[in-house]
Amino acid sequence: MKTSFLSVLAIAGCAHPVTPPSDGAKIHKLEALGVVMKNDINPAFSKLTFLLAHADTLNEDANTVRGEIEIAGTNLRTAIGKLRLWHDPPTESDQGREVFLTYAASIDGLTTRLIDALGRDDRRAALDQLEQIADTCNNCHHFFRLDIEDSVVMRTTDRNRDHL
């Protein structure tokens, strides 16, 4: 039953449709970015968030869960790498392009620190990095006036850190 639970978890991402901003970027550029967000970034982020927050309460082998955490972390890192290397971001101006690339570089650095925390098996630090990643993603979405809900990540103040 372990395989079926993890399989269900893998496809249960928290993806939201990307709505283009009014007076914003060209539709084809937003569609391409939306595909990366929906198919790569959101599923890996959601799975990693779930596993890190609930690893101790799952009735799964700890090594299996750790392996799934590592895979989700690697998948997120790869997806963020695509974002960082985006050559034609969905912006209308050079200034917008620079803002997009700055946010992408910031997310890339945060994801590198996340992978480092995962490598040390430091769940508390990994959850803190996920929170910072979510905040940066939300700030970028708001900057470009995308009509989407903020990422759902347990806030540090909401987590019972004694159980991590």
C-alpha atoms as a PDB file:
ATOM      1  CA  MET A   1       0.000   0.000   0.000  1.00  0.00           C
ATOM      2  CA  LYS A   2       3.035   2.267   0.399  1.00  0.00           C
ATOM      3  CA  THR A   3       3.470   2.636  -3.334  1.00  0.00           C
ATOM      4  CA  SER A   4      -0.152   3.602  -3.902  1.00  0.00           C
ATOM      5  CA  PHE A   5      -0.084   6.277  -1.178  1.00  0.00           C
ATOM      6  CA  LEU A   6       3.085   7.854  -2.539  1.00  0.00           C
ATOM      7  CA  SER A   7       1.746   7.616  -6.087  1.00  0.00           C
ATOM      8  CA  VAL A   8      -1.440   9.415  -5.097  1.00  0.00           C
ATOM      9  CA  LEU A   9       0.624  12.020  -3.292  1.00  0.00           C
ATOM     10  CA  ALA A  10       2.788  12.547  -6.366  1.00  0.00           C
ATOM     11  CA  ILE A  11      -0.176  13.511  -8.521  1.00  0.00           C
ATOM     12  CA  ALA A  12      -1.984  15.551  -5.882  1.00  0.00           C
ATOM     13  CA  GLY A  13      -0.236  18.876  -6.515  1.00  0.00           C
ATOM     14  CA  CYS A  14      -1.741  22.178  -5.499  1.00  0.00           C
ATOM     15  CA  ALA A  15      -1.510  23.739  -8.938  1.00  0.00           C
ATOM     16  CA  HIS A  16      -3.655  26.760  -9.668  1.00  0.00           C
ATOM     17  CA  PRO A  17      -4.339  28.020 -13.170  1.00  0.00           C
ATOM     18  CA  VAL A  18      -2.221  30.956 -14.214  1.00  0.00           C
ATOM     19  CA  THR A  19      -4.289  33.971 -15.196  1.00  0.00           C
ATOM     20  CA  PRO A  20      -2.573  36.495 -17.474  1.00  0.00           C
ATOM     21  CA  PRO A  21      -2.403  40.025 -16.118  1.00  0.00           C
ATOM     22  CA  SER A  22      -4.416  42.669 -17.860  1.00  0.00           C
ATOM     23  CA  ASP A  23      -2.193  44.785 -20.106  1.00  0.00           C
ATOM     24  CA  GLY A  24       0.541  42.259 -19.421  1.00  0.00           C
ATOM     25  CA  ALA A  25       2.728  39.822 -21.278  1.00  0.00           C
ATOM     26  CA  LYS A  26       1.937  37.992 -24.466  1.00  0.00           C
ATOM     27  CA  ILE A  27      -0.345  35.000 -23.990  1.00  0.00           C
ATOM     28  CA  HIS A  28       2.067  32.434 -25.524  1.00  0.00           C
ATOM     29  CA  LYS A  29       4.782  33.450 -23.075  1.00  0.00           C
ATOM     30  CA  LEU A  30       2.421  33.097 -20.117  1.00  0.00           C
ATOM     31  CA  GLU A  31       1.238  29.729 -21.357  1.00  0.00           C
ATOM     32  CA  ALA A  32       4.808  28.442 -21.507  1.00  0.00           C
ATOM     33  CA  LEU A  33       5.504  29.714 -17.994  1.00  0.00           C
ATOM     34  CA  GLY A  34       2.199  28.273 -16.791  1.00  0.00           C
ATOM     35  CA  VAL A  35       3.194  24.843 -18.096  1.00  0.00           C
ATOM     36  CA  VAL A  36       6.466  24.934 -16.137  1.00  0.00           C
ATOM     37  CA  MET A  37       4.635  26.084 -13.004  1.00  0.00           C
ATOM     38  CA  LYS A  38       1.792  23.571 -13.309  1.00  0.00           C
ATOM     39  CA  ASN A  39       3.756  20.538 -14.444  1.00  0.00           C
ATOM     40  CA  ASP A  40       7.132  20.993 -12.757  1.00  0.00           C
ATOM     41  CA  ILE A  41       7.307  23.540  -9.943  1.00  0.00           C
ATOM     42  CA  ASN A  42       3.928  23.196  -8.198  1.00  0.00           C
ATOM     43  CA  PRO A  43       3.818  19.370  -7.950  1.00  0.00           C
ATOM     44  CA  ALA A  44       7.382  19.127  -6.614  1.00  0.00           C
ATOM     45  CA  PHE A  45       6.825  22.015  -4.182  1.00  0.00           C
ATOM     46  CA  SER A  46       3.509  20.589  -2.939  1.00  0.00           C
ATOM     47  CA  LYS A  47       4.857  17.081  -2.494  1.00  0.00           C
ATOM     48  CA  LEU A  48       7.949  18.314  -0.687  1.00  0.00           C
ATOM     49  CA  THR A  49       5.897  20.553   1.605  1.00  0.00           C
ATOM     50  CA  PHE A  50       3.551  17.696   2.482  1.00  0.00           C
ATOM     51  CA  LEU A  51       6.311  15.179   3.097  1.00  0.00           C
ATOM     52  CA  LEU A  52       8.403  17.513   5.239  1.00  0.00           C
ATOM     53  CA  ALA A  53       5.425  18.628   7.306  1.00  0.00           C
ATOM     54  CA  HIS A  54       3.947  15.153   7.801  1.00  0.00           C
ATOM     55  CA  ALA A  55       6.829  12.675   7.506  1.00  0.00           C
ATOM     56  CA  ASP A  56       6.539  11.640  11.166  1.00  0.00           C
ATOM     57  CA  THR A  57       2.817  10.925  10.932  1.00  0.00           C
ATOM     58  CA  LEU A  58       2.904   8.817   7.785  1.00  0.00           C
ATOM     59  CA  ASN A  59       2.675   5.062   8.201  1.00  0.00           C
ATOM     60  CA  GLU A  60       5.548   4.613   5.776  1.00  0.00           C
ATOM     61  CA  ASP A  61       9.098   3.353   6.011  1.00  0.00           C
ATOM     62  CA  ALA A  62      11.334   6.274   7.029  1.00  0.00           C
ATOM     63  CA  ASN A  63      13.887   5.470   4.301  1.00  0.00           C
ATOM     64  CA  THR A  64      11.137   5.413   1.664  1.00  0.00           C
ATOM     65  CA  VAL A  65       9.865   8.800   2.829  1.00  0.00           C
ATOM     66  CA  ARG A  66      13.409  10.216   2.900  1.00  0.00           C
ATOM     67  CA  GLY A  67      13.932   8.955  -0.657  1.00  0.00           C
ATOM     68  CA  GLU A  68      10.688  10.617  -1.779  1.00  0.00           C
ATOM     69  CA  ILE A  69      11.771  13.865  -0.083  1.00  0.00           C
ATOM     70  CA  GLU A  70      15.089  13.752  -1.926  1.00  0.00           C
ATOM     71  CA  ILE A  71      13.363  13.084  -5.262  1.00  0.00           C
ATOM     72  CA  ALA A  72      10.893  15.946  -4.727  1.00  0.00           C
ATOM     73  CA  GLY A  73      13.758  18.253  -3.741  1.00  0.00           C
ATOM     74  CA  THR A  74      15.727  17.319  -6.846  1.00  0.00           C
ATOM     75  CA  ASN A  75      12.642  17.796  -9.024  1.00  0.00           C
ATOM     76  CA  LEU A  76      12.019  21.226  -7.510  1.00  0.00           C
ATOM     77  CA  ARG A  77      15.658  22.207  -8.014  1.00  0.00           C
ATOM     78  CA  THR A  78      15.496  21.140 -11.661  1.00  0.00           C
ATOM     79  CA  ALA A  79      12.236  23.028 -12.227  1.00  0.00           C
ATOM     80  CA  ILE A  80      13.588  26.191 -10.609  1.00  0.00           C
ATOM     81  CA  GLY A  81      16.661  25.844 -12.820  1.00  0.00           C
ATOM     82  CA  LYS A  82      14.349  26.065 -15.847  1.00  0.00           C
ATOM     83  CA  LEU A  83      12.875  29.261 -14.444  1.00  0.00           C
ATOM     84  CA  ARG A  84      16.308  30.759 -13.770  1.00  0.00           C
ATOM     85  CA  LEU A  85      17.476  29.998 -17.311  1.00  0.00           C
ATOM     86  CA  TRP A  86      14.356  31.410 -18.965  1.00  0.00           C
ATOM     87  CA  HIS A  87      15.604  33.536 -21.866  1.00  0.00           C
ATOM     88  CA  ASP A  88      12.338  35.124 -22.898  1.00  0.00           C
ATOM     89  CA  PRO A  89      10.326  35.814 -19.724  1.00  0.00           C
ATOM     90  CA  PRO A  90       6.701  36.915 -20.035  1.00  0.00           C
ATOM     91  CA  THR A  91       7.290  40.612 -19.550  1.00  0.00           C
ATOM     92  CA  GLU A  92       6.640  43.685 -21.657  1.00  0.00           C
ATOM     93  CA  SER A  93       9.686  45.782 -20.799  1.00  0.00           C
ATOM     94  CA  ASP A  94      13.389  45.512 -20.084  1.00  0.00           C
ATOM     95  CA  GLN A  95      12.694  46.567 -16.495  1.00  0.00           C
ATOM     96  CA  GLY A  96      10.071  43.824 -16.132  1.00  0.00           C
ATOM     97  CA  ARG A  97      12.518  41.313 -17.568  1.00  0.00           C
ATOM     98  CA  GLU A  98      15.137  42.330 -15.007  1.00  0.00           C
ATOM     99  CA  VAL A  99      12.608  42.024 -12.166  1.00  0.00           C
ATOM    100  CA  PHE A 100      11.569  38.561 -13.386  1.00  0.00           C
ATOM    101  CA  LEU A 101      15.184  37.418 -13.655  1.00  0.00           C
ATOM    102  CA  THR A 102      15.973  38.860 -10.206  1.00  0.00           C
ATOM    103  CA  TYR A 103      13.099  36.924  -8.641  1.00  0.00           C
ATOM    104  CA  ALA A 104      14.188  33.785 -10.524  1.00  0.00           C
ATOM    105  CA  ALA A 105      17.781  34.161  -9.273  1.00  0.00           C
ATOM    106  CA  SER A 106      16.524  34.673  -5.726  1.00  0.00           C
ATOM    107  CA  ILE A 107      14.371  31.530  -5.907  1.00  0.00           C
ATOM    108  CA  ASP A 108      17.352  29.653  -7.318  1.00  0.00           C
ATOM    109  CA  GLY A 109      19.505  30.628  -4.333  1.00  0.00           C
ATOM    110  CA  LEU A 110      16.775  29.692  -1.857  1.00  0.00           C
ATOM    111  CA  THR A 111      16.339  26.340  -3.559  1.00  0.00           C
ATOM    112  CA  THR A 112      20.077  25.685  -3.326  1.00  0.00           C
ATOM    113  CA  ARG A 113      19.862  26.292   0.451  1.00  0.00           C
ATOM    114  CA  LEU A 114      16.796  24.020   0.577  1.00  0.00           C
ATOM    115  CA  ILE A 115      18.712  21.192  -1.104  1.00  0.00           C
ATOM    116  CA  ASP A 116      21.564  21.725   1.361  1.00  0.00           C
ATOM    117  CA  ALA A 117      19.120  21.424   4.297  1.00  0.00           C
ATOM    118  CA  LEU A 118      17.632  18.265   2.785  1.00  0.00           C
ATOM    119  CA  GLY A 119      21.125  16.808   2.405  1.00  0.00           C
ATOM    120  CA  ARG A 120      21.728  17.417   6.120  1.00  0.00           C
ATOM    121  CA  ASP A 121      18.283  15.912   6.891  1.00  0.00           C
ATOM    122  CA  ASP A 122      17.427  19.190   8.640  1.00  0.00           C
ATOM    123  CA  ARG A 123      13.652  19.320   8.255  1.00  0.00           C
ATOM    124  CA  ARG A 124      13.281  22.512  10.263  1.00  0.00           C
ATOM    125  CA  ALA A 125      15.713  24.400   7.993  1.00  0.00           C
ATOM    126  CA  ALA A 126      14.113  22.856   4.896  1.00  0.00           C
ATOM    127  CA  LEU A 127      10.639  24.020   5.971  1.00  0.00           C
ATOM    128  CA  ASP A 128      12.048  27.499   6.657  1.00  0.00           C
ATOM    129  CA  GLN A 129      13.503  27.560   3.132  1.00  0.00           C
ATOM    130  CA  LEU A 130      10.184  26.413   1.657  1.00  0.00           C
ATOM    131  CA  GLU A 131       8.483  29.276   3.490  1.00  0.00           C
ATOM    132  CA  GLN A 132      10.968  31.766   2.024  1.00  0.00           C
ATOM    133  CA  ILE A 133      10.526  30.250  -1.437  1.00  0.00           C
ATOM    134  CA  ALA A 134       6.737  30.565  -1.124  1.00  0.00           C
ATOM    135  CA  ASP A 135       7.043  34.193  -0.005  1.00  0.00           C
ATOM    136  CA  THR A 136       9.326  35.036  -2.928  1.00  0.00           C
ATOM    137  CA  CYS A 137       7.031  33.289  -5.411  1.00  0.00           C
ATOM    138  CA  ASN A 138       4.023  35.142  -3.999  1.00  0.00           C
ATOM    139  CA  ASN A 139       5.853  38.479  -4.195  1.00  0.00           C
ATOM    140  CA  CYS A 140       6.702  37.846  -7.844  1.00  0.00           C
ATOM    141  CA  HIS A 141       3.116  36.848  -8.634  1.00  0.00           C
ATOM    142  CA  HIS A 142       1.812  39.988  -6.934  1.00  0.00           C
ATOM    143  CA  PHE A 143       4.399  42.196  -8.658  1.00  0.00           C
ATOM    144  CA  PHE A 144       3.239  40.959 -12.046  1.00  0.00           C
ATOM    145  CA  ARG A 145      -0.390  41.209 -10.920  1.00  0.00           C
ATOM    146  CA  LEU A 146      -1.170  37.541 -11.457  1.00  0.00           C
ATOM    147  CA  ASP A 147      -4.573  36.691 -10.040  1.00  0.00           C
ATOM    148  CA  ILE A 148      -3.672  33.548  -8.092  1.00  0.00           C
ATOM    149  CA  GLU A 149      -3.908  32.439  -4.520  1.00  0.00           C
ATOM    150  CA  ASP A 150      -0.795  32.606  -2.382  1.00  0.00           C
ATOM    151  CA  SER A 151       1.146  29.411  -1.793  1.00  0.00           C
ATOM    152  CA  VAL A 152      -0.127  27.305   1.037  1.00  0.00           C
ATOM    153  CA  VAL A 153       2.796  26.678   3.355  1.00  0.00           C
ATOM    154  CA  MET A 154       2.608  26.381   7.095  1.00  0.00           C
ATOM    155  CA  ARG A 155       4.005  29.611   8.468  1.00  0.00           C
ATOM    156  CA  THR A 156       6.813  29.348  11.006  1.00  0.00           C
ATOM    157  CA  THR A 157       4.512  30.879  13.592  1.00  0.00           C
ATOM    158  CA  ASP A 158       1.874  28.228  12.838  1.00  0.00           C
ATOM    159  CA  ARG A 159       4.169  25.230  13.077  1.00  0.00           C
ATOM    160  CA  ASN A 160       4.727  23.415  16.300  1.00  0.00           C
ATOM    161  CA  ARG A 161       8.512  23.358  16.024  1.00  0.00           C
ATOM    162  CA  ASP A 162       8.861  21.046  19.001  1.00  0.00           C
ATOM    163  CA  HIS A 163       7.666  18.174  16.831  1.00  0.00           C
ATOM    164  CA  LEU A 164      10.254  18.648  14.073  1.00  0.00           C
END
